[in-house]
Amino acid sequence: MTRTPTLYDRLGGEAGIAALIDAFYGRVLGDPELAPFFEHASLERLRRMQSAFFGAALDGPVAYDGRSLAAVHYGRGIGLRHFALFVRHLLQTLQAQGLAEEDVLEVIARIDTYADEITGDTGLGA
């Protein structure tokens, strides 16, 4: 029996997620409003944790075992504007990789569900 490819599979699996994270953080770190949040972060650790998070969030064979998103982001001053910028960079990265529009929109919809955990607010209000 053939299994239906997951969103994780459609994005290229482990290698595709790693390439996505690298390209995505290139954009995020180049953004003057977002870069300060990462000044003291280990980029290697960040990429590893983001790969695990994206893998789990996109139905990959990955278990995210990091701290809760609310705990990780608490007290960092991340607001809805920052989250929206972050998502915009993700959208642009996904589109630049030539992914199917349906897959791009599904990734964004899934990540958007975490807005309140990351910002402490309740959604984008968009």
PDB file of N, CA and C in Angstrom:
ATOM      1  N   MET A   1       0.835  -1.179   0.000  1.00  0.00           N
ATOM      2  CA  MET A   1       0.000   0.000   0.000  1.00  0.00           C
ATOM      3  C   MET A   1       0.887   1.253   0.000  1.00  0.00           C
ATOM      4  N   THR A   2       0.627   2.144  -0.900  1.00  0.00           N
ATOM      5  CA  THR A   2       1.400   3.367  -1.022  1.00  0.00           C
ATOM      6  C   THR A   2       0.866   4.406  -0.052  1.00  0.00           C
ATOM      7  N   ARG A   3       1.779   5.019   0.696  1.00  0.00           N
ATOM      8  CA  ARG A   3       1.321   6.048   1.631  1.00  0.00           C
ATOM      9  C   ARG A   3       1.354   7.398   0.948  1.00  0.00           C
ATOM     10  N   THR A   4       0.442   8.252   1.340  1.00  0.00           N
ATOM     11  CA  THR A   4       0.369   9.601   0.799  1.00  0.00           C
ATOM     12  C   THR A   4       1.519  10.422   1.373  1.00  0.00           C
ATOM     13  N   PRO A   5       2.254  11.115   0.532  1.00  0.00           N
ATOM     14  CA  PRO A   5       3.366  11.934   1.032  1.00  0.00           C
ATOM     15  C   PRO A   5       2.857  13.012   1.992  1.00  0.00           C
ATOM     16  N   THR A   6       3.556  13.176   3.094  1.00  0.00           N
ATOM     17  CA  THR A   6       3.221  14.229   4.055  1.00  0.00           C
ATOM     18  C   THR A   6       3.743  15.566   3.544  1.00  0.00           C
ATOM     19  N   LEU A   7       3.350  16.617   4.220  1.00  0.00           N
ATOM     20  CA  LEU A   7       3.874  17.941   3.874  1.00  0.00           C
ATOM     21  C   LEU A   7       5.392  17.947   4.026  1.00  0.00           C
ATOM     22  N   TYR A   8       5.888  17.300   5.052  1.00  0.00           N
ATOM     23  CA  TYR A   8       7.336  17.150   5.269  1.00  0.00           C
ATOM     24  C   TYR A   8       7.992  16.504   4.044  1.00  0.00           C
ATOM     25  N   ASP A   9       7.377  15.438   3.537  1.00  0.00           N
ATOM     26  CA  ASP A   9       7.896  14.762   2.348  1.00  0.00           C
ATOM     27  C   ASP A   9       7.880  15.692   1.137  1.00  0.00           C
ATOM     28  N   ARG A  10       6.780  16.404   0.957  1.00  0.00           N
ATOM     29  CA  ARG A  10       6.633  17.283  -0.205  1.00  0.00           C
ATOM     30  C   ARG A  10       7.618  18.447  -0.189  1.00  0.00           C
ATOM     31  N   LEU A  11       8.088  18.800   1.007  1.00  0.00           N
ATOM     32  CA  LEU A  11       9.095  19.862   1.114  1.00  0.00           C
ATOM     33  C   LEU A  11      10.514  19.324   0.966  1.00  0.00           C
ATOM     34  N   GLY A  12      10.653  18.022   0.744  1.00  0.00           N
ATOM     35  CA  GLY A  12      11.964  17.439   0.489  1.00  0.00           C
ATOM     36  C   GLY A  12      12.571  16.680   1.649  1.00  0.00           C
ATOM     37  N   GLY A  13      11.754  16.405   2.674  1.00  0.00           N
ATOM     38  CA  GLY A  13      12.252  15.630   3.803  1.00  0.00           C
ATOM     39  C   GLY A  13      13.325  16.374   4.578  1.00  0.00           C
ATOM     40  N   GLU A  14      14.198  15.633   5.215  1.00  0.00           N
ATOM     41  CA  GLU A  14      15.234  16.224   6.063  1.00  0.00           C
ATOM     42  C   GLU A  14      16.105  17.222   5.309  1.00  0.00           C
ATOM     43  N   ALA A  15      16.543  16.851   4.107  1.00  0.00           N
ATOM     44  CA  ALA A  15      17.405  17.748   3.323  1.00  0.00           C
ATOM     45  C   ALA A  15      16.654  19.008   2.899  1.00  0.00           C
ATOM     46  N   GLY A  16      15.399  18.847   2.515  1.00  0.00           N
ATOM     47  CA  GLY A  16      14.598  19.996   2.103  1.00  0.00           C
ATOM     48  C   GLY A  16      14.342  20.957   3.252  1.00  0.00           C
ATOM     49  N   ILE A  17      14.066  20.408   4.429  1.00  0.00           N
ATOM     50  CA  ILE A  17      13.837  21.248   5.607  1.00  0.00           C
ATOM     51  C   ILE A  17      15.126  21.978   5.991  1.00  0.00           C
ATOM     52  N   ALA A  18      16.256  21.283   5.935  1.00  0.00           N
ATOM     53  CA  ALA A  18      17.542  21.914   6.256  1.00  0.00           C
ATOM     54  C   ALA A  18      17.828  23.074   5.294  1.00  0.00           C
ATOM     55  N   ALA A  19      17.582  22.871   4.011  1.00  0.00           N
ATOM     56  CA  ALA A  19      17.798  23.938   3.020  1.00  0.00           C
ATOM     57  C   ALA A  19      16.833  25.097   3.269  1.00  0.00           C
ATOM     58  N   LEU A  20      15.590  24.767   3.604  1.00  0.00           N
ATOM     59  CA  LEU A  20      14.598  25.793   3.913  1.00  0.00           C
ATOM     60  C   LEU A  20      15.042  26.632   5.106  1.00  0.00           C
ATOM     61  N   ILE A  21      15.480  25.971   6.165  1.00  0.00           N
ATOM     62  CA  ILE A  21      15.911  26.677   7.380  1.00  0.00           C
ATOM     63  C   ILE A  21      17.111  27.578   7.085  1.00  0.00           C
ATOM     64  N   ASP A  22      18.071  27.079   6.330  1.00  0.00           N
ATOM     65  CA  ASP A  22      19.245  27.892   5.989  1.00  0.00           C
ATOM     66  C   ASP A  22      18.855  29.143   5.201  1.00  0.00           C
ATOM     67  N   ALA A  23      18.040  28.969   4.179  1.00  0.00           N
ATOM     68  CA  ALA A  23      17.615  30.110   3.363  1.00  0.00           C
ATOM     69  C   ALA A  23      16.748  31.072   4.174  1.00  0.00           C
ATOM     70  N   PHE A  24      15.875  30.518   4.985  1.00  0.00           N
ATOM     71  CA  PHE A  24      14.977  31.311   5.813  1.00  0.00           C
ATOM     72  C   PHE A  24      15.750  32.168   6.803  1.00  0.00           C
ATOM     73  N   TYR A  25      16.705  31.574   7.513  1.00  0.00           N
ATOM     74  CA  TYR A  25      17.462  32.359   8.483  1.00  0.00           C
ATOM     75  C   TYR A  25      18.392  33.364   7.818  1.00  0.00           C
ATOM     76  N   GLY A  26      18.779  33.116   6.579  1.00  0.00           N
ATOM     77  CA  GLY A  26      19.510  34.141   5.839  1.00  0.00           C
ATOM     78  C   GLY A  26      18.670  35.407   5.706  1.00  0.00           C
ATOM     79  N   ARG A  27      17.382  35.232   5.452  1.00  0.00           N
ATOM     80  CA  ARG A  27      16.470  36.373   5.346  1.00  0.00           C
ATOM     81  C   ARG A  27      16.207  37.011   6.712  1.00  0.00           C
ATOM     82  N   VAL A  28      15.913  36.177   7.699  1.00  0.00           N
ATOM     83  CA  VAL A  28      15.572  36.676   9.032  1.00  0.00           C
ATOM     84  C   VAL A  28      16.734  37.463   9.634  1.00  0.00           C
ATOM     85  N   LEU A  29      17.942  36.919   9.522  1.00  0.00           N
ATOM     86  CA  LEU A  29      19.107  37.587  10.110  1.00  0.00           C
ATOM     87  C   LEU A  29      19.482  38.867   9.366  1.00  0.00           C
ATOM     88  N   GLY A  30      19.007  39.006   8.145  1.00  0.00           N
ATOM     89  CA  GLY A  30      19.233  40.222   7.375  1.00  0.00           C
ATOM     90  C   GLY A  30      18.174  41.295   7.627  1.00  0.00           C
ATOM     91  N   ASP A  31      17.178  40.962   8.430  1.00  0.00           N
ATOM     92  CA  ASP A  31      16.099  41.901   8.727  1.00  0.00           C
ATOM     93  C   ASP A  31      16.472  42.694   9.979  1.00  0.00           C
ATOM     94  N   PRO A  32      16.607  44.017   9.867  1.00  0.00           N
ATOM     95  CA  PRO A  32      17.044  44.817  11.018  1.00  0.00           C
ATOM     96  C   PRO A  32      16.088  44.777  12.213  1.00  0.00           C
ATOM     97  N   GLU A  33      14.826  44.443  11.985  1.00  0.00           N
ATOM     98  CA  GLU A  33      13.890  44.345  13.106  1.00  0.00           C
ATOM     99  C   GLU A  33      13.965  42.988  13.804  1.00  0.00           C
ATOM    100  N   LEU A  34      14.385  41.963  13.091  1.00  0.00           N
ATOM    101  CA  LEU A  34      14.415  40.622  13.671  1.00  0.00           C
ATOM    102  C   LEU A  34      15.807  40.195  14.125  1.00  0.00           C
ATOM    103  N   ALA A  35      16.828  40.669  13.457  1.00  0.00           N
ATOM    104  CA  ALA A  35      18.198  40.244  13.771  1.00  0.00           C
ATOM    105  C   ALA A  35      18.570  40.409  15.244  1.00  0.00           C
ATOM    106  N   PRO A  36      18.158  41.487  15.912  1.00  0.00           N
ATOM    107  CA  PRO A  36      18.547  41.639  17.322  1.00  0.00           C
ATOM    108  C   PRO A  36      18.075  40.497  18.235  1.00  0.00           C
ATOM    109  N   PHE A  37      16.997  39.832  17.863  1.00  0.00           N
ATOM    110  CA  PHE A  37      16.509  38.709  18.672  1.00  0.00           C
ATOM    111  C   PHE A  37      17.492  37.539  18.661  1.00  0.00           C
ATOM    112  N   PHE A  38      18.389  37.516  17.688  1.00  0.00           N
ATOM    113  CA  PHE A  38      19.288  36.377  17.515  1.00  0.00           C
ATOM    114  C   PHE A  38      20.752  36.722  17.792  1.00  0.00           C
ATOM    115  N   GLU A  39      21.013  37.917  18.312  1.00  0.00           N
ATOM    116  CA  GLU A  39      22.391  38.369  18.528  1.00  0.00           C
ATOM    117  C   GLU A  39      23.219  37.410  19.373  1.00  0.00           C
ATOM    118  N   HIS A  40      22.630  36.862  20.394  1.00  0.00           N
ATOM    119  CA  HIS A  40      23.378  36.008  21.317  1.00  0.00           C
ATOM    120  C   HIS A  40      23.011  34.532  21.180  1.00  0.00           C
ATOM    121  N   ALA A  41      22.336  34.201  20.112  1.00  0.00           N
ATOM    122  CA  ALA A  41      21.893  32.820  19.904  1.00  0.00           C
ATOM    123  C   ALA A  41      22.975  32.008  19.198  1.00  0.00           C
ATOM    124  N   SER A  42      23.061  30.746  19.554  1.00  0.00           N
ATOM    125  CA  SER A  42      23.895  29.817  18.807  1.00  0.00           C
ATOM    126  C   SER A  42      23.128  29.455  17.539  1.00  0.00           C
ATOM    127  N   LEU A  43      23.623  29.912  16.402  1.00  0.00           N
ATOM    128  CA  LEU A  43      22.901  29.657  15.156  1.00  0.00           C
ATOM    129  C   LEU A  43      22.860  28.175  14.813  1.00  0.00           C
ATOM    130  N   GLU A  44      23.888  27.445  15.186  1.00  0.00           N
ATOM    131  CA  GLU A  44      23.887  25.998  14.947  1.00  0.00           C
ATOM    132  C   GLU A  44      22.759  25.340  15.743  1.00  0.00           C
ATOM    133  N   ARG A  45      22.647  25.709  17.015  1.00  0.00           N
ATOM    134  CA  ARG A  45      21.595  25.140  17.863  1.00  0.00           C
ATOM    135  C   ARG A  45      20.219  25.586  17.367  1.00  0.00           C
ATOM    136  N   LEU A  46      20.093  26.848  16.995  1.00  0.00           N
ATOM    137  CA  LEU A  46      18.833  27.376  16.496  1.00  0.00           C
ATOM    138  C   LEU A  46      18.385  26.608  15.255  1.00  0.00           C
ATOM    139  N   ARG A  47      19.287  26.401  14.327  1.00  0.00           N
ATOM    140  CA  ARG A  47      18.946  25.663  13.109  1.00  0.00           C
ATOM    141  C   ARG A  47      18.538  24.228  13.430  1.00  0.00           C
ATOM    142  N   ARG A  48      19.241  23.612  14.359  1.00  0.00           N
ATOM    143  CA  ARG A  48      18.915  22.235  14.755  1.00  0.00           C
ATOM    144  C   ARG A  48      17.515  22.168  15.382  1.00  0.00           C
ATOM    145  N   MET A  49      17.225  23.111  16.287  1.00  0.00           N
ATOM    146  CA  MET A  49      15.916  23.119  16.948  1.00  0.00           C
ATOM    147  C   MET A  49      14.804  23.473  15.961  1.00  0.00           C
ATOM    148  N   GLN A  50      15.059  24.417  15.059  1.00  0.00           N
ATOM    149  CA  GLN A  50      14.051  24.781  14.060  1.00  0.00           C
ATOM    150  C   GLN A  50      13.782  23.624  13.106  1.00  0.00           C
ATOM    151  N   SER A  51      14.828  22.905  12.739  1.00  0.00           N
ATOM    152  CA  SER A  51      14.634  21.740  11.865  1.00  0.00           C
ATOM    153  C   SER A  51      13.751  20.702  12.541  1.00  0.00           C
ATOM    154  N   ALA A  52      13.995  20.468  13.825  1.00  0.00           N
ATOM    155  CA  ALA A  52      13.170  19.513  14.576  1.00  0.00           C
ATOM    156  C   ALA A  52      11.738  20.027  14.694  1.00  0.00           C
ATOM    157  N   PHE A  53      11.586  21.316  15.002  1.00  0.00           N
ATOM    158  CA  PHE A  53      10.247  21.887  15.130  1.00  0.00           C
ATOM    159  C   PHE A  53       9.491  21.788  13.805  1.00  0.00           C
ATOM    160  N   PHE A  54      10.111  22.242  12.712  1.00  0.00           N
ATOM    161  CA  PHE A  54       9.448  22.185  11.409  1.00  0.00           C
ATOM    162  C   PHE A  54       9.148  20.743  11.023  1.00  0.00           C
ATOM    163  N   GLY A  55      10.077  19.854  11.292  1.00  0.00           N
ATOM    164  CA  GLY A  55       9.845  18.447  10.983  1.00  0.00           C
ATOM    165  C   GLY A  55       8.615  17.915  11.689  1.00  0.00           C
ATOM    166  N   ALA A  56       8.484  18.213  12.960  1.00  0.00           N
ATOM    167  CA  ALA A  56       7.326  17.744  13.729  1.00  0.00           C
ATOM    168  C   ALA A  56       6.047  18.451  13.276  1.00  0.00           C
ATOM    169  N   ALA A  57       6.121  19.757  13.067  1.00  0.00           N
ATOM    170  CA  ALA A  57       4.934  20.536  12.689  1.00  0.00           C
ATOM    171  C   ALA A  57       4.404  20.174  11.303  1.00  0.00           C
ATOM    172  N   LEU A  58       5.282  19.625  10.454  1.00  0.00           N
ATOM    173  CA  LEU A  58       4.901  19.321   9.074  1.00  0.00           C
ATOM    174  C   LEU A  58       4.752  17.821   8.830  1.00  0.00           C
ATOM    175  N   ASP A  59       4.489  17.089   9.884  1.00  0.00           N
ATOM    176  CA  ASP A  59       4.193  15.645   9.813  1.00  0.00           C
ATOM    177  C   ASP A  59       5.381  14.777   9.436  1.00  0.00           C
ATOM    178  N   GLY A  60       6.578  15.224   9.768  1.00  0.00           N
ATOM    179  CA  GLY A  60       7.761  14.412   9.496  1.00  0.00           C
ATOM    180  C   GLY A  60       7.978  13.393  10.604  1.00  0.00           C
ATOM    181  N   PRO A  61       8.941  12.513  10.401  1.00  0.00           N
ATOM    182  CA  PRO A  61       9.241  11.471  11.389  1.00  0.00           C
ATOM    183  C   PRO A  61      10.157  12.002  12.496  1.00  0.00           C
ATOM    184  N   VAL A  62       9.888  13.224  12.924  1.00  0.00           N
ATOM    185  CA  VAL A  62      10.746  13.922  13.864  1.00  0.00           C
ATOM    186  C   VAL A  62       9.928  14.253  15.108  1.00  0.00           C
ATOM    187  N   ALA A  63      10.510  14.012  16.257  1.00  0.00           N
ATOM    188  CA  ALA A  63       9.856  14.394  17.507  1.00  0.00           C
ATOM    189  C   ALA A  63      10.537  15.653  18.032  1.00  0.00           C
ATOM    190  N   TYR A  64       9.767  16.711  18.194  1.00  0.00           N
ATOM    191  CA  TYR A  64      10.310  17.940  18.774  1.00  0.00           C
ATOM    192  C   TYR A  64      10.346  17.743  20.279  1.00  0.00           C
ATOM    193  N   ASP A  65      11.547  17.765  20.835  1.00  0.00           N
ATOM    194  CA  ASP A  65      11.673  17.534  22.276  1.00  0.00           C
ATOM    195  C   ASP A  65      12.268  18.737  22.997  1.00  0.00           C
ATOM    196  N   GLY A  66      12.194  19.885  22.342  1.00  0.00           N
ATOM    197  CA  GLY A  66      12.673  21.115  22.969  1.00  0.00           C
ATOM    198  C   GLY A  66      11.658  21.643  23.967  1.00  0.00           C
ATOM    199  N   ARG A  67      12.035  22.724  24.633  1.00  0.00           N
ATOM    200  CA  ARG A  67      11.111  23.374  25.563  1.00  0.00           C
ATOM    201  C   ARG A  67       9.894  23.885  24.805  1.00  0.00           C
ATOM    202  N   SER A  68       8.823  24.149  25.517  1.00  0.00           N
ATOM    203  CA  SER A  68       7.618  24.661  24.865  1.00  0.00           C
ATOM    204  C   SER A  68       7.937  25.993  24.189  1.00  0.00           C
ATOM    205  N   LEU A  69       7.217  26.280  23.127  1.00  0.00           N
ATOM    206  CA  LEU A  69       7.436  27.539  22.411  1.00  0.00           C
ATOM    207  C   LEU A  69       7.158  28.734  23.315  1.00  0.00           C
ATOM    208  N   ALA A  70       6.141  28.618  24.155  1.00  0.00           N
ATOM    209  CA  ALA A  70       5.823  29.719  25.070  1.00  0.00           C
ATOM    210  C   ALA A  70       6.992  29.972  26.024  1.00  0.00           C
ATOM    211  N   ALA A  71       7.592  28.914  26.551  1.00  0.00           N
ATOM    212  CA  ALA A  71       8.712  29.066  27.488  1.00  0.00           C
ATOM    213  C   ALA A  71       9.943  29.643  26.798  1.00  0.00           C
ATOM    214  N   VAL A  72      10.235  29.180  25.604  1.00  0.00           N
ATOM    215  CA  VAL A  72      11.412  29.638  24.864  1.00  0.00           C
ATOM    216  C   VAL A  72      11.310  31.124  24.517  1.00  0.00           C
ATOM    217  N   HIS A  73      10.118  31.581  24.186  1.00  0.00           N
ATOM    218  CA  HIS A  73       9.945  32.954  23.712  1.00  0.00           C
ATOM    219  C   HIS A  73       9.494  33.935  24.784  1.00  0.00           C
ATOM    220  N   TYR A  74       9.175  33.440  25.963  1.00  0.00           N
ATOM    221  CA  TYR A  74       8.671  34.294  27.040  1.00  0.00           C
ATOM    222  C   TYR A  74       9.677  35.391  27.420  1.00  0.00           C
ATOM    223  N   GLY A  75       9.180  36.604  27.536  1.00  0.00           N
ATOM    224  CA  GLY A  75       9.992  37.719  27.999  1.00  0.00           C
ATOM    225  C   GLY A  75      10.980  38.271  26.992  1.00  0.00           C
ATOM    226  N   ARG A  76      10.906  37.840  25.763  1.00  0.00           N
ATOM    227  CA  ARG A  76      11.855  38.311  24.745  1.00  0.00           C
ATOM    228  C   ARG A  76      11.356  39.545  23.993  1.00  0.00           C
ATOM    229  N   GLY A  77      10.139  39.958  24.282  1.00  0.00           N
ATOM    230  CA  GLY A  77       9.603  41.152  23.624  1.00  0.00           C
ATOM    231  C   GLY A  77       9.155  40.921  22.197  1.00  0.00           C
ATOM    232  N   ILE A  78       8.829  39.688  21.870  1.00  0.00           N
ATOM    233  CA  ILE A  78       8.379  39.364  20.515  1.00  0.00           C
ATOM    234  C   ILE A  78       6.892  39.679  20.418  1.00  0.00           C
ATOM    235  N   GLY A  79       6.557  40.617  19.550  1.00  0.00           N
ATOM    236  CA  GLY A  79       5.162  41.001  19.363  1.00  0.00           C
ATOM    237  C   GLY A  79       4.607  40.465  18.057  1.00  0.00           C
ATOM    238  N   LEU A  80       3.350  40.777  17.844  1.00  0.00           N
ATOM    239  CA  LEU A  80       2.689  40.312  16.619  1.00  0.00           C
ATOM    240  C   LEU A  80       3.374  40.852  15.371  1.00  0.00           C
ATOM    241  N   ARG A  81       3.884  42.072  15.427  1.00  0.00           N
ATOM    242  CA  ARG A  81       4.598  42.629  14.261  1.00  0.00           C
ATOM    243  C   ARG A  81       5.820  41.782  13.933  1.00  0.00           C
ATOM    244  N   HIS A  82       6.562  41.386  14.951  1.00  0.00           N
ATOM    245  CA  HIS A  82       7.747  40.548  14.730  1.00  0.00           C
ATOM    246  C   HIS A  82       7.341  39.191  14.161  1.00  0.00           C
ATOM    247  N   PHE A  83       6.284  38.621  14.717  1.00  0.00           N
ATOM    248  CA  PHE A  83       5.819  37.328  14.213  1.00  0.00           C
ATOM    249  C   PHE A  83       5.399  37.449  12.749  1.00  0.00           C
ATOM    250  N   ALA A  84       4.692  38.528  12.412  1.00  0.00           N
ATOM    251  CA  ALA A  84       4.259  38.734  11.028  1.00  0.00           C
ATOM    252  C   ALA A  84       5.456  38.870  10.087  1.00  0.00           C
ATOM    253  N   LEU A  85       6.504  39.571  10.520  1.00  0.00           N
ATOM    254  CA  LEU A  85       7.720  39.687   9.704  1.00  0.00           C
ATOM    255  C   LEU A  85       8.364  38.321   9.510  1.00  0.00           C
ATOM    256  N   PHE A  86       8.421  37.554  10.595  1.00  0.00           N
ATOM    257  CA  PHE A  86       8.987  36.205  10.563  1.00  0.00           C
ATOM    258  C   PHE A  86       8.237  35.340   9.547  1.00  0.00           C
ATOM    259  N   VAL A  87       6.909  35.397   9.605  1.00  0.00           N
ATOM    260  CA  VAL A  87       6.081  34.605   8.691  1.00  0.00           C
ATOM    261  C   VAL A  87       6.238  35.097   7.256  1.00  0.00           C
ATOM    262  N   ARG A  88       6.360  36.412   7.074  1.00  0.00           N
ATOM    263  CA  ARG A  88       6.570  36.943   5.725  1.00  0.00           C
ATOM    264  C   ARG A  88       7.866  36.401   5.126  1.00  0.00           C
ATOM    265  N   HIS A  89       8.931  36.365   5.935  1.00  0.00           N
ATOM    266  CA  HIS A  89      10.196  35.812   5.437  1.00  0.00           C
ATOM    267  C   HIS A  89      10.056  34.326   5.121  1.00  0.00           C
ATOM    268  N   LEU A  90       9.300  33.623   5.933  1.00  0.00           N
ATOM    269  CA  LEU A  90       9.063  32.204   5.656  1.00  0.00           C
ATOM    270  C   LEU A  90       8.305  32.044   4.347  1.00  0.00           C
ATOM    271  N   LEU A  91       7.270  32.827   4.150  1.00  0.00           N
ATOM    272  CA  LEU A  91       6.492  32.782   2.911  1.00  0.00           C
ATOM    273  C   LEU A  91       7.384  33.038   1.701  1.00  0.00           C
ATOM    274  N   GLN A  92       8.196  34.080   1.766  1.00  0.00           N
ATOM    275  CA  GLN A  92       9.087  34.417   0.654  1.00  0.00           C
ATOM    276  C   GLN A  92      10.108  33.309   0.399  1.00  0.00           C
ATOM    277  N   THR A  93      10.596  32.692   1.474  1.00  0.00           N
ATOM    278  CA  THR A  93      11.562  31.604   1.320  1.00  0.00           C
ATOM    279  C   THR A  93      10.916  30.406   0.649  1.00  0.00           C
ATOM    280  N   LEU A  94       9.728  30.059   1.088  1.00  0.00           N
ATOM    281  CA  LEU A  94       9.010  28.925   0.490  1.00  0.00           C
ATOM    282  C   LEU A  94       8.719  29.176  -0.987  1.00  0.00           C
ATOM    283  N   GLN A  95       8.277  30.380  -1.299  1.00  0.00           N
ATOM    284  CA  GLN A  95       7.984  30.716  -2.698  1.00  0.00           C
ATOM    285  C   GLN A  95       9.250  30.688  -3.553  1.00  0.00           C
ATOM    286  N   ALA A  96      10.356  31.170  -3.005  1.00  0.00           N
ATOM    287  CA  ALA A  96      11.621  31.186  -3.750  1.00  0.00           C
ATOM    288  C   ALA A  96      12.118  29.782  -4.037  1.00  0.00           C
ATOM    289  N   GLN A  97      11.714  28.819  -3.218  1.00  0.00           N
ATOM    290  CA  GLN A  97      12.141  27.438  -3.440  1.00  0.00           C
ATOM    291  C   GLN A  97      11.275  26.721  -4.470  1.00  0.00           C
ATOM    292  N   GLY A  98      10.298  27.424  -5.005  1.00  0.00           N
ATOM    293  CA  GLY A  98       9.494  26.874  -6.085  1.00  0.00           C
ATOM    294  C   GLY A  98       8.519  25.790  -5.657  1.00  0.00           C
ATOM    295  N   LEU A  99       8.089  25.833  -4.425  1.00  0.00           N
ATOM    296  CA  LEU A  99       7.147  24.836  -3.930  1.00  0.00           C
ATOM    297  C   LEU A  99       5.745  25.117  -4.457  1.00  0.00           C
ATOM    298  N   ALA A 100       4.917  24.091  -4.478  1.00  0.00           N
ATOM    299  CA  ALA A 100       3.525  24.252  -4.896  1.00  0.00           C
ATOM    300  C   ALA A 100       2.839  25.246  -3.970  1.00  0.00           C
ATOM    301  N   GLU A 101       2.030  26.116  -4.536  1.00  0.00           N
ATOM    302  CA  GLU A 101       1.345  27.146  -3.744  1.00  0.00           C
ATOM    303  C   GLU A 101       0.508  26.527  -2.625  1.00  0.00           C
ATOM    304  N   GLU A 102      -0.117  25.409  -2.889  1.00  0.00           N
ATOM    305  CA  GLU A 102      -0.920  24.719  -1.867  1.00  0.00           C
ATOM    306  C   GLU A 102      -0.053  24.330  -0.665  1.00  0.00           C
ATOM    307  N   ASP A 103       1.151  23.839  -0.931  1.00  0.00           N
ATOM    308  CA  ASP A 103       2.062  23.460   0.151  1.00  0.00           C
ATOM    309  C   ASP A 103       2.552  24.694   0.911  1.00  0.00           C
ATOM    310  N   VAL A 104       2.834  25.762   0.183  1.00  0.00           N
ATOM    311  CA  VAL A 104       3.282  27.012   0.812  1.00  0.00           C
ATOM    312  C   VAL A 104       2.208  27.501   1.783  1.00  0.00           C
ATOM    313  N   LEU A 105       0.974  27.541   1.321  1.00  0.00           N
ATOM    314  CA  LEU A 105      -0.124  28.027   2.157  1.00  0.00           C
ATOM    315  C   LEU A 105      -0.367  27.122   3.362  1.00  0.00           C
ATOM    316  N   GLU A 106      -0.189  25.815   3.178  1.00  0.00           N
ATOM    317  CA  GLU A 106      -0.366  24.893   4.299  1.00  0.00           C
ATOM    318  C   GLU A 106       0.720  25.095   5.357  1.00  0.00           C
ATOM    319  N   VAL A 107       1.958  25.301   4.931  1.00  0.00           N
ATOM    320  CA  VAL A 107       3.039  25.565   5.891  1.00  0.00           C
ATOM    321  C   VAL A 107       2.726  26.828   6.682  1.00  0.00           C
ATOM    322  N   ILE A 108       2.351  27.883   5.985  1.00  0.00           N
ATOM    323  CA  ILE A 108       2.058  29.156   6.651  1.00  0.00           C
ATOM    324  C   ILE A 108       0.890  28.991   7.625  1.00  0.00           C
ATOM    325  N   ALA A 109      -0.138  28.285   7.221  1.00  0.00           N
ATOM    326  CA  ALA A 109      -1.291  28.077   8.101  1.00  0.00           C
ATOM    327  C   ALA A 109      -0.884  27.322   9.363  1.00  0.00           C
ATOM    328  N   ARG A 110      -0.034  26.335   9.219  1.00  0.00           N
ATOM    329  CA  ARG A 110       0.398  25.579  10.395  1.00  0.00           C
ATOM    330  C   ARG A 110       1.260  26.416  11.326  1.00  0.00           C
ATOM    331  N   ILE A 111       2.171  27.184  10.766  1.00  0.00           N
ATOM    332  CA  ILE A 111       3.050  28.010  11.595  1.00  0.00           C
ATOM    333  C   ILE A 111       2.245  29.115  12.276  1.00  0.00           C
ATOM    334  N   ASP A 112       1.259  29.654  11.583  1.00  0.00           N
ATOM    335  CA  ASP A 112       0.432  30.710  12.155  1.00  0.00           C
ATOM    336  C   ASP A 112      -0.289  30.248  13.425  1.00  0.00           C
ATOM    337  N   THR A 113      -0.547  28.965  13.545  1.00  0.00           N
ATOM    338  CA  THR A 113      -1.246  28.464  14.742  1.00  0.00           C
ATOM    339  C   THR A 113      -0.404  28.625  16.001  1.00  0.00           C
ATOM    340  N   TYR A 114       0.879  28.895  15.855  1.00  0.00           N
ATOM    341  CA  TYR A 114       1.775  29.056  17.006  1.00  0.00           C
ATOM    342  C   TYR A 114       1.966  30.514  17.416  1.00  0.00           C
ATOM    343  N   ALA A 115       1.280  31.442  16.771  1.00  0.00           N
ATOM    344  CA  ALA A 115       1.479  32.873  17.032  1.00  0.00           C
ATOM    345  C   ALA A 115       1.295  33.218  18.501  1.00  0.00           C
ATOM    346  N   ASP A 116       0.245  32.704  19.122  1.00  0.00           N
ATOM    347  CA  ASP A 116      -0.010  33.088  20.512  1.00  0.00           C
ATOM    348  C   ASP A 116       1.044  32.537  21.457  1.00  0.00           C
ATOM    349  N   GLU A 117       1.575  31.352  21.163  1.00  0.00           N
ATOM    350  CA  GLU A 117       2.631  30.783  22.011  1.00  0.00           C
ATOM    351  C   GLU A 117       3.928  31.576  21.904  1.00  0.00           C
ATOM    352  N   ILE A 118       4.190  32.114  20.734  1.00  0.00           N
ATOM    353  CA  ILE A 118       5.437  32.827  20.495  1.00  0.00           C
ATOM    354  C   ILE A 118       5.360  34.274  20.976  1.00  0.00           C
ATOM    355  N   THR A 119       4.208  34.891  20.817  1.00  0.00           N
ATOM    356  CA  THR A 119       4.076  36.309  21.170  1.00  0.00           C
ATOM    357  C   THR A 119       3.362  36.547  22.492  1.00  0.00           C
ATOM    358  N   GLY A 120       2.617  35.563  22.954  1.00  0.00           N
ATOM    359  CA  GLY A 120       1.789  35.765  24.138  1.00  0.00           C
ATOM    360  C   GLY A 120       0.471  36.429  23.787  1.00  0.00           C
ATOM    361  N   ASP A 121       0.252  36.723  22.497  1.00  0.00           N
ATOM    362  CA  ASP A 121      -0.994  37.310  22.024  1.00  0.00           C
ATOM    363  C   ASP A 121      -1.860  36.218  21.413  1.00  0.00           C
ATOM    364  N   THR A 122      -3.022  36.589  20.931  1.00  0.00           N
ATOM    365  CA  THR A 122      -3.951  35.595  20.410  1.00  0.00           C
ATOM    366  C   THR A 122      -4.191  35.764  18.919  1.00  0.00           C
ATOM    367  N   GLY A 123      -3.192  35.530  18.122  1.00  0.00           N
ATOM    368  CA  GLY A 123      -3.349  35.532  16.671  1.00  0.00           C
ATOM    369  C   GLY A 123      -2.887  36.826  16.029  1.00  0.00           C
ATOM    370  N   LEU A 124      -2.912  36.842  14.711  1.00  0.00           N
ATOM    371  CA  LEU A 124      -2.411  37.982  13.956  1.00  0.00           C
ATOM    372  C   LEU A 124      -3.448  39.067  13.758  1.00  0.00           C
ATOM    373  N   GLY A 125      -4.700  38.753  13.919  1.00  0.00           N
ATOM    374  CA  GLY A 125      -5.731  39.756  13.705  1.00  0.00           C
ATOM    375  C   GLY A 125      -5.838  40.191  12.262  1.00  0.00           C
ATOM    376  N   ALA A 126      -5.317  39.373  11.371  1.00  0.00           N
ATOM    377  CA  ALA A 126      -5.328  39.737   9.945  1.00  0.00           C
ATOM    378  C   ALA A 126      -6.533  39.164   9.242  1.00  0.00           C
TER     379      ALA A 126
END
